[in-house]
């Protein structure tokens, strides 16, 4: 164990997790999530995170946030993943606030945390934050197109965009008028994450400041940990539900969970979940404490989750048998969430490259 590292939650963190669980049970049970995700029936749940005031968790108080750090935000991400709750506001408003705060605009960050202001980060979900693409700015005019953008409700009054400025890996931060954007819905296999394509042509843009390479890399590490935490929560749901199912499902007159092969499969699901939990917890703690190896462990957490939790999802589907493949079964929600998380914010291969670069095995990957 690393000296100074806590291995249990503080009272405040435990209370926070219980608050997440209770609120989601009341406002977004899995049945409501399934109705909304598959048929868009019932309440639009994409705004739940903002409505509950969770956007500011892990955002500095001087930037209008609730305080706390990556660890607290990872607790939220894990619970959202566990219950397949739409997390678009975290990808849009919270990240926009963190980018603005990193560029020195605390007032803008505070405004971004108010859902009424309609501020969203204009970034493709498939790309790491420190390697943006799709937006170009000429003077005070922005152009470009991004294929997969998280937007609660499918609109934004103001976009925050990151654009490479060509100097030492720093990124320029721009505000772009949402009225000048063309937004079209897209469809992912993971229906809990509605996404949109955004096209800019002559959109008014205002310079905010610069996000240093170090700060951009730090934010990318935070996002990597949060995606890993989201997949961790979904994988835990898969394990818990599968264990309960094999206790009830009978074959030859006995519960299939009594078969040794099934027990082995369940154990093979549990091991990577606990390993990912350790990786996520350490990486979040290391980022909050400013440890020298924090980035390395963030990359490891994301790569490990992408590489190993996919197998957890596959084993859950296998142990559920034919019922797991049906459109009506809830398993499809966390299953698809895990598959999407493996690609969001960059693939496992990209994070393997980052680990190799830190270890001095390769040059840092570009793009």
Protein backbone atom coordinates (compact mmCIF):
# COMPACT_ATOMS: atom_id res chain seq x y z
CA UNK A 1 0.00 0.00 0.00
CA UNK A 2 1.22 3.50 -0.81
CA UNK A 3 1.93 5.56 2.35
CA UNK A 4 -0.87 8.08 2.93
CA UNK A 5 -3.36 6.37 0.64
CA UNK A 6 -6.79 5.62 2.12
CA UNK A 7 -8.21 2.16 1.41
CA UNK A 8 -11.72 3.00 2.65
CA UNK A 9 -14.16 5.78 1.86
CA UNK A 10 -14.37 8.77 4.17
CA UNK A 11 -17.72 9.40 5.86
CA UNK A 12 -18.42 12.17 3.34
CA UNK A 13 -17.61 9.93 0.37
CA UNK A 14 -19.76 7.10 1.73
CA UNK A 15 -22.64 9.54 2.25
CA UNK A 16 -22.18 10.85 -1.29
CA UNK A 17 -22.33 7.37 -2.77
CA UNK A 18 -25.46 6.56 -0.79
CA UNK A 19 -27.02 9.79 -2.04
CA UNK A 20 -26.29 8.80 -5.64
CA UNK A 21 -27.80 5.36 -5.10
CA UNK A 22 -30.94 6.62 -3.40
CA UNK A 23 -31.63 9.35 -5.92
CA UNK A 24 -31.20 7.03 -8.89
CA UNK A 25 -33.44 4.38 -7.30
CA UNK A 26 -36.17 6.99 -6.91
CA UNK A 27 -35.85 8.87 -10.20
CA UNK A 28 -34.23 6.48 -12.67
CA UNK A 29 -34.80 2.80 -11.86
CA UNK A 30 -33.63 0.35 -14.49
CA UNK A 31 -37.17 -0.16 -15.86
CA UNK A 32 -37.51 3.59 -16.51
CA UNK A 33 -34.05 3.68 -18.09
CA UNK A 34 -34.98 0.83 -20.44
CA UNK A 35 -38.26 2.46 -21.50
CA UNK A 36 -36.52 5.73 -22.22
CA UNK A 37 -33.38 4.28 -23.83
CA UNK A 38 -35.15 1.87 -26.18
CA UNK A 39 -38.37 3.68 -27.05
CA UNK A 40 -37.82 7.23 -25.74
CA UNK A 41 -40.91 6.78 -23.60
CA UNK A 42 -41.34 8.45 -20.23
CA UNK A 43 -39.19 11.25 -18.85
CA UNK A 44 -36.09 12.43 -20.71
CA UNK A 45 -33.40 11.24 -18.31
CA UNK A 46 -30.47 12.99 -19.97
CA UNK A 47 -30.92 15.97 -17.65
CA UNK A 48 -31.03 14.02 -14.37
CA UNK A 49 -27.39 14.67 -13.45
CA UNK A 50 -27.84 18.41 -13.90
CA UNK A 51 -31.17 18.50 -12.12
CA UNK A 52 -29.64 16.85 -9.05
CA UNK A 53 -26.83 19.40 -8.85
CA UNK A 54 -24.13 16.81 -9.53
CA UNK A 55 -22.40 18.74 -12.33
CA UNK A 56 -20.13 20.57 -9.90
CA UNK A 57 -18.84 17.50 -8.06
CA UNK A 58 -15.06 17.46 -8.36
CA UNK A 59 -14.99 21.00 -9.76
CA UNK A 60 -13.05 23.55 -7.63
CA UNK A 61 -15.19 25.81 -5.47
CA UNK A 62 -13.51 28.93 -6.89
CA UNK A 63 -14.87 27.87 -10.28
CA UNK A 64 -18.39 27.51 -8.94
CA UNK A 65 -18.15 23.79 -8.23
CA UNK A 66 -18.91 21.68 -5.19
CA UNK A 67 -15.29 20.88 -4.44
CA UNK A 68 -13.95 17.39 -4.00
CA UNK A 69 -11.79 15.77 -6.61
CA UNK A 70 -11.46 13.04 -9.19
CA UNK A 71 -12.21 10.39 -6.57
CA UNK A 72 -15.64 11.86 -5.81
CA UNK A 73 -16.40 12.27 -9.51
CA UNK A 74 -15.35 8.65 -10.07
CA UNK A 75 -17.85 7.53 -7.41
CA UNK A 76 -20.57 9.31 -9.39
CA UNK A 77 -19.39 7.84 -12.71
CA UNK A 78 -19.35 4.34 -11.23
CA UNK A 79 -22.92 4.67 -9.95
CA UNK A 80 -24.17 6.10 -13.25
CA UNK A 81 -22.53 3.21 -15.09
CA UNK A 82 -23.94 0.67 -12.64
CA UNK A 83 -27.49 1.88 -13.28
CA UNK A 84 -27.02 2.82 -16.97
CA UNK A 85 -28.02 6.42 -16.26
CA UNK A 86 -27.41 8.88 -19.12
CA UNK A 87 -24.27 10.89 -18.38
CA UNK A 88 -24.31 13.46 -21.19
CA UNK A 89 -24.25 16.45 -18.79
CA UNK A 90 -20.91 15.30 -17.38
CA UNK A 91 -19.45 15.11 -20.88
CA UNK A 92 -20.86 18.49 -21.85
CA UNK A 93 -21.27 20.92 -18.94
CA UNK A 94 -18.85 19.52 -16.36
CA UNK A 95 -15.99 19.08 -18.81
CA UNK A 96 -16.71 22.49 -20.32
CA UNK A 97 -16.41 23.97 -16.81
CA UNK A 98 -13.12 22.17 -16.16
CA UNK A 99 -11.70 23.32 -19.48
CA UNK A 100 -12.73 26.93 -18.83
CA UNK A 101 -11.32 26.81 -15.29
CA UNK A 102 -8.09 25.37 -16.65
CA UNK A 103 -7.87 28.29 -19.07
CA UNK A 104 -8.32 30.78 -16.21
CA UNK A 105 -11.99 31.62 -16.79
CA UNK A 106 -13.58 30.79 -13.43
CA UNK A 107 -16.64 32.92 -14.12
CA UNK A 108 -17.25 31.06 -17.36
CA UNK A 109 -16.76 27.74 -15.57
CA UNK A 110 -19.37 28.67 -12.98
CA UNK A 111 -21.81 29.64 -15.70
CA UNK A 112 -21.24 26.33 -17.47
CA UNK A 113 -22.37 24.42 -14.37
CA UNK A 114 -25.86 25.96 -14.56
CA UNK A 115 -27.91 23.80 -16.98
CA UNK A 116 -30.06 26.81 -17.83
CA UNK A 117 -27.10 28.42 -19.58
CA UNK A 118 -26.78 25.60 -22.10
CA UNK A 119 -22.98 25.42 -22.18
CA UNK A 120 -21.49 22.26 -23.72
CA UNK A 121 -18.04 20.99 -24.57
CA UNK A 122 -17.71 20.54 -28.33
CA UNK A 123 -15.62 17.38 -28.46
CA UNK A 124 -15.89 14.03 -30.20
CA UNK A 125 -16.48 11.29 -27.64
CA UNK A 126 -14.06 9.00 -29.46
CA UNK A 127 -11.03 11.26 -29.00
CA UNK A 128 -8.92 12.01 -25.92
CA UNK A 129 -9.31 15.64 -24.81
CA UNK A 130 -5.64 16.48 -25.35
CA UNK A 131 -5.84 15.34 -28.98
CA UNK A 132 -8.86 17.22 -30.28
CA UNK A 133 -9.93 17.42 -33.88
CA UNK A 134 -12.75 18.56 -36.10
CA UNK A 135 -12.81 22.28 -35.26
CA UNK A 136 -10.79 25.03 -36.92
CA UNK A 137 -10.88 28.73 -36.14
CA UNK A 138 -9.89 31.46 -38.60
CA UNK A 139 -9.98 34.88 -36.99
CA UNK A 140 -13.28 34.89 -35.16
CA UNK A 141 -15.01 32.28 -37.31
CA UNK A 142 -15.17 28.55 -36.52
CA UNK A 143 -15.78 25.73 -38.96
CA UNK A 144 -15.68 21.96 -38.93
CA UNK A 145 -17.71 18.89 -38.14
CA UNK A 146 -17.74 16.42 -35.26
CA UNK A 147 -19.54 13.11 -35.47
CA UNK A 148 -20.28 12.10 -31.87
CA UNK A 149 -20.96 14.89 -29.38
CA UNK A 150 -22.79 14.54 -26.05
CA UNK A 151 -25.52 17.15 -25.75
CA UNK A 152 -28.31 16.94 -23.16
CA UNK A 153 -31.51 17.54 -25.07
CA UNK A 154 -29.61 17.85 -28.33
CA UNK A 155 -28.84 21.55 -28.16
CA UNK A 156 -26.45 24.09 -26.69
CA UNK A 157 -26.52 27.88 -26.50
CA UNK A 158 -22.73 28.04 -26.29
CA UNK A 159 -20.03 25.55 -27.20
CA UNK A 160 -16.57 25.36 -25.65
CA UNK A 161 -14.01 23.99 -28.09
CA UNK A 162 -10.37 22.97 -27.86
CA UNK A 163 -8.15 23.68 -30.87
CA UNK A 164 -4.46 22.87 -31.22
CA UNK A 165 -2.51 26.14 -31.35
CA UNK A 166 0.72 24.66 -32.64
CA UNK A 167 2.95 25.62 -29.72
CA UNK A 168 4.32 23.00 -27.32
CA UNK A 169 1.11 20.99 -27.37
CA UNK A 170 -0.93 23.77 -25.77
CA UNK A 171 -4.59 24.05 -26.74
CA UNK A 172 -6.55 27.19 -27.50
CA UNK A 173 -9.96 27.44 -25.81
CA UNK A 174 -12.80 29.05 -27.78
CA UNK A 175 -16.42 29.93 -27.16
CA UNK A 176 -18.60 29.24 -30.18
CA UNK A 177 -22.17 30.41 -30.67
CA UNK A 178 -24.57 27.47 -30.59
CA UNK A 179 -27.08 29.23 -32.83
CA UNK A 180 -24.57 29.00 -35.67
CA UNK A 181 -24.29 25.20 -35.48
CA UNK A 182 -26.23 22.51 -37.31
CA UNK A 183 -27.03 19.63 -34.95
CA UNK A 184 -28.31 16.23 -36.09
CA UNK A 185 -29.09 13.14 -33.96
CA UNK A 186 -26.90 10.05 -34.24
CA UNK A 187 -27.54 6.55 -32.95
CA UNK A 188 -25.12 4.45 -30.93
CA UNK A 189 -25.54 0.81 -30.00
CA UNK A 190 -25.49 2.13 -26.44
CA UNK A 191 -28.88 3.85 -26.33
CA UNK A 192 -28.23 5.30 -22.87
CA UNK A 193 -25.90 7.82 -24.52
CA UNK A 194 -27.74 9.84 -27.15
CA UNK A 195 -25.20 11.64 -29.32
CA UNK A 196 -25.27 14.26 -32.02
CA UNK A 197 -23.26 15.36 -35.01
CA UNK A 198 -22.39 19.06 -34.96
CA UNK A 199 -21.44 21.01 -38.07
CA UNK A 200 -20.01 24.53 -37.98
CA UNK A 201 -19.89 26.85 -40.95
CA UNK A 202 -19.08 30.48 -40.23
CA UNK A 203 -19.93 30.17 -36.53
CA UNK A 204 -18.98 33.16 -34.38
CA UNK A 205 -16.03 32.33 -32.10
CA UNK A 206 -14.45 34.17 -29.17
CA UNK A 207 -11.03 33.35 -27.73
CA UNK A 208 -11.06 32.42 -24.03
CA UNK A 209 -7.45 31.54 -23.33
CA UNK A 210 -5.03 28.64 -23.46
CA UNK A 211 -5.04 25.24 -21.86
CA UNK A 212 -1.44 24.21 -21.23
CA UNK A 213 -0.25 20.83 -22.45
CA UNK A 214 0.15 19.69 -18.85
CA UNK A 215 -3.36 20.78 -17.90
CA UNK A 216 -4.85 19.20 -21.04
CA UNK A 217 -3.08 15.96 -20.25
CA UNK A 218 -4.32 16.10 -16.68
CA UNK A 219 -7.93 16.54 -17.84
CA UNK A 220 -7.48 13.66 -20.27
CA UNK A 221 -6.30 11.50 -17.39
CA UNK A 222 -9.34 12.48 -15.33
CA UNK A 223 -11.64 11.52 -18.20
CA UNK A 224 -9.82 8.21 -18.65
CA UNK A 225 -10.42 7.36 -14.99
CA UNK A 226 -14.09 8.37 -15.18
CA UNK A 227 -14.73 6.21 -18.25
CA UNK A 228 -13.05 3.28 -16.51
CA UNK A 229 -15.21 3.91 -13.43
CA UNK A 230 -18.36 3.98 -15.56
CA UNK A 231 -17.47 0.62 -17.12
CA UNK A 232 -16.62 -0.73 -13.67
CA UNK A 233 -20.09 0.12 -12.38
CA UNK A 234 -21.74 -1.52 -15.40
CA UNK A 235 -19.57 -4.63 -14.98
CA UNK A 236 -20.52 -4.88 -11.30
CA UNK A 237 -24.20 -4.81 -12.28
CA UNK A 238 -23.53 -7.59 -14.80
CA UNK A 239 -21.84 -9.74 -12.17
CA UNK A 240 -24.43 -9.19 -9.45
CA UNK A 241 -27.35 -9.84 -11.79
CA UNK A 242 -25.72 -12.89 -13.33
CA UNK A 243 -25.00 -14.47 -9.94
CA UNK A 244 -28.62 -14.00 -8.90
CA UNK A 245 -29.83 -15.43 -12.22
CA UNK A 246 -27.74 -18.62 -12.10
CA UNK A 247 -28.99 -19.25 -8.56
CA UNK A 248 -32.55 -19.27 -9.90
CA UNK A 249 -32.14 -20.83 -13.36
CA UNK A 250 -32.47 -24.61 -13.20
CA UNK A 251 -31.22 -27.35 -15.49
CA UNK A 252 -31.66 -31.05 -14.85
CA UNK A 253 -33.58 -30.05 -11.76
CA UNK A 254 -30.78 -28.10 -10.07
CA UNK A 255 -29.62 -24.48 -10.14
CA UNK A 256 -27.02 -23.96 -12.86
CA UNK A 257 -25.02 -21.92 -10.36
CA UNK A 258 -24.13 -25.18 -8.63
CA UNK A 259 -22.16 -26.38 -11.68
CA UNK A 260 -18.42 -26.00 -11.31
CA UNK A 261 -17.99 -24.53 -14.78
CA UNK A 262 -20.52 -21.80 -14.00
CA UNK A 263 -18.73 -21.00 -10.74
CA UNK A 264 -15.48 -20.68 -12.66
CA UNK A 265 -17.09 -18.27 -15.12
CA UNK A 266 -18.44 -16.13 -12.28
CA UNK A 267 -15.00 -16.05 -10.65
CA UNK A 268 -13.49 -15.04 -13.99
CA UNK A 269 -15.92 -12.12 -14.01
CA UNK A 270 -15.14 -11.06 -10.43
CA UNK A 271 -11.35 -10.97 -10.74
CA UNK A 272 -11.08 -8.26 -13.46
CA UNK A 273 -13.79 -6.22 -11.73
CA UNK A 274 -11.82 -6.09 -8.50
CA UNK A 275 -8.58 -5.42 -10.37
CA UNK A 276 -10.23 -2.55 -12.24
CA UNK A 277 -11.63 -1.20 -8.98
CA UNK A 278 -8.13 -1.10 -7.53
CA UNK A 279 -6.75 0.58 -10.67
CA UNK A 280 -9.50 3.21 -10.75
CA UNK A 281 -9.27 3.96 -7.03
CA UNK A 282 -5.50 4.35 -7.09
CA UNK A 283 -5.50 6.47 -10.25
CA UNK A 284 -8.20 8.80 -8.87
CA UNK A 285 -6.35 9.13 -5.56
CA UNK A 286 -3.03 9.73 -7.32
CA UNK A 287 -4.50 12.48 -9.49
CA UNK A 288 -6.04 14.19 -6.48
CA UNK A 289 -2.78 13.97 -4.53
CA UNK A 290 -0.59 15.08 -7.43
CA UNK A 291 1.49 11.89 -7.36
CA UNK A 292 4.33 11.70 -9.88
CA UNK A 293 2.91 8.50 -11.43
CA UNK A 294 -0.70 9.71 -11.60
CA UNK A 295 -0.86 9.91 -15.38
CA UNK A 296 0.61 6.45 -15.79
CA UNK A 297 -2.01 4.93 -13.53
CA UNK A 298 -4.83 6.81 -15.26
CA UNK A 299 -3.73 5.35 -18.60
CA UNK A 300 -3.46 1.89 -17.01
CA UNK A 301 -6.98 2.14 -15.52
CA UNK A 302 -8.56 3.06 -18.85
CA UNK A 303 -6.65 0.42 -20.83
CA UNK A 304 -7.30 -2.29 -18.25
CA UNK A 305 -11.02 -1.54 -18.12
CA UNK A 306 -11.32 -1.54 -21.91
CA UNK A 307 -9.34 -4.76 -22.29
CA UNK A 308 -10.88 -6.78 -19.47
CA UNK A 309 -14.40 -5.61 -18.71
CA UNK A 310 -15.51 -6.45 -22.24
CA UNK A 311 -14.90 -10.07 -21.28
CA UNK A 312 -17.03 -9.61 -18.15
CA UNK A 313 -19.90 -8.39 -20.32
CA UNK A 314 -19.50 -11.34 -22.69
CA UNK A 315 -19.50 -13.87 -19.84
CA UNK A 316 -22.62 -12.28 -18.34
CA UNK A 317 -24.39 -12.65 -21.66
CA UNK A 318 -23.23 -16.26 -22.00
CA UNK A 319 -24.39 -17.25 -18.50
CA UNK A 320 -27.79 -15.70 -19.05
CA UNK A 321 -28.30 -18.01 -22.01
CA UNK A 322 -30.88 -17.19 -24.65
CA UNK A 323 -32.76 -14.72 -22.45
CA UNK A 324 -29.71 -12.45 -22.36
CA UNK A 325 -29.95 -11.91 -26.09
CA UNK A 326 -33.51 -10.66 -26.03
CA UNK A 327 -34.26 -7.00 -26.66
CA UNK A 328 -36.48 -6.81 -23.58
CA UNK A 329 -33.87 -7.95 -21.05
CA UNK A 330 -32.11 -5.29 -18.96
CA UNK A 331 -28.71 -6.91 -19.45
CA UNK A 332 -28.36 -5.24 -22.82
CA UNK A 333 -28.03 -1.81 -21.18
CA UNK A 334 -24.85 -2.37 -19.12
CA UNK A 335 -23.53 -4.78 -21.76
CA UNK A 336 -23.63 -2.08 -24.44
CA UNK A 337 -22.42 0.55 -21.98
CA UNK A 338 -19.25 -1.44 -21.35
CA UNK A 339 -18.70 -1.94 -25.08
CA UNK A 340 -19.07 1.81 -25.67
CA UNK A 341 -16.78 2.71 -22.77
CA UNK A 342 -14.02 0.66 -24.38
CA UNK A 343 -13.94 3.22 -27.23
CA UNK A 344 -14.97 6.48 -25.54
CA UNK A 345 -12.13 8.97 -25.01
CA UNK A 346 -9.85 6.74 -27.04
CA UNK A 347 -9.26 3.02 -27.42
CA UNK A 348 -7.21 0.73 -25.21
CA UNK A 349 -4.48 0.66 -27.85
CA UNK A 350 -4.01 4.42 -27.55
CA UNK A 351 -3.60 4.17 -23.79
CA UNK A 352 -1.20 1.25 -24.14
CA UNK A 353 0.89 3.61 -26.29
CA UNK A 354 0.80 6.25 -23.56
CA UNK A 355 1.97 3.72 -20.98
CA UNK A 356 4.76 2.60 -23.28
CA UNK A 357 5.84 6.20 -23.84
CA UNK A 358 6.06 6.88 -20.09
CA UNK A 359 8.09 3.70 -19.69
CA UNK A 360 10.46 4.96 -22.40
CA UNK A 361 9.64 2.11 -24.75
CA UNK A 362 8.24 4.26 -27.55
CA UNK A 363 7.93 7.88 -28.56
CA UNK A 364 4.69 9.62 -27.47
CA UNK A 365 1.90 8.84 -29.89
CA UNK A 366 0.56 11.66 -32.05
CA UNK A 367 -3.14 12.06 -32.76
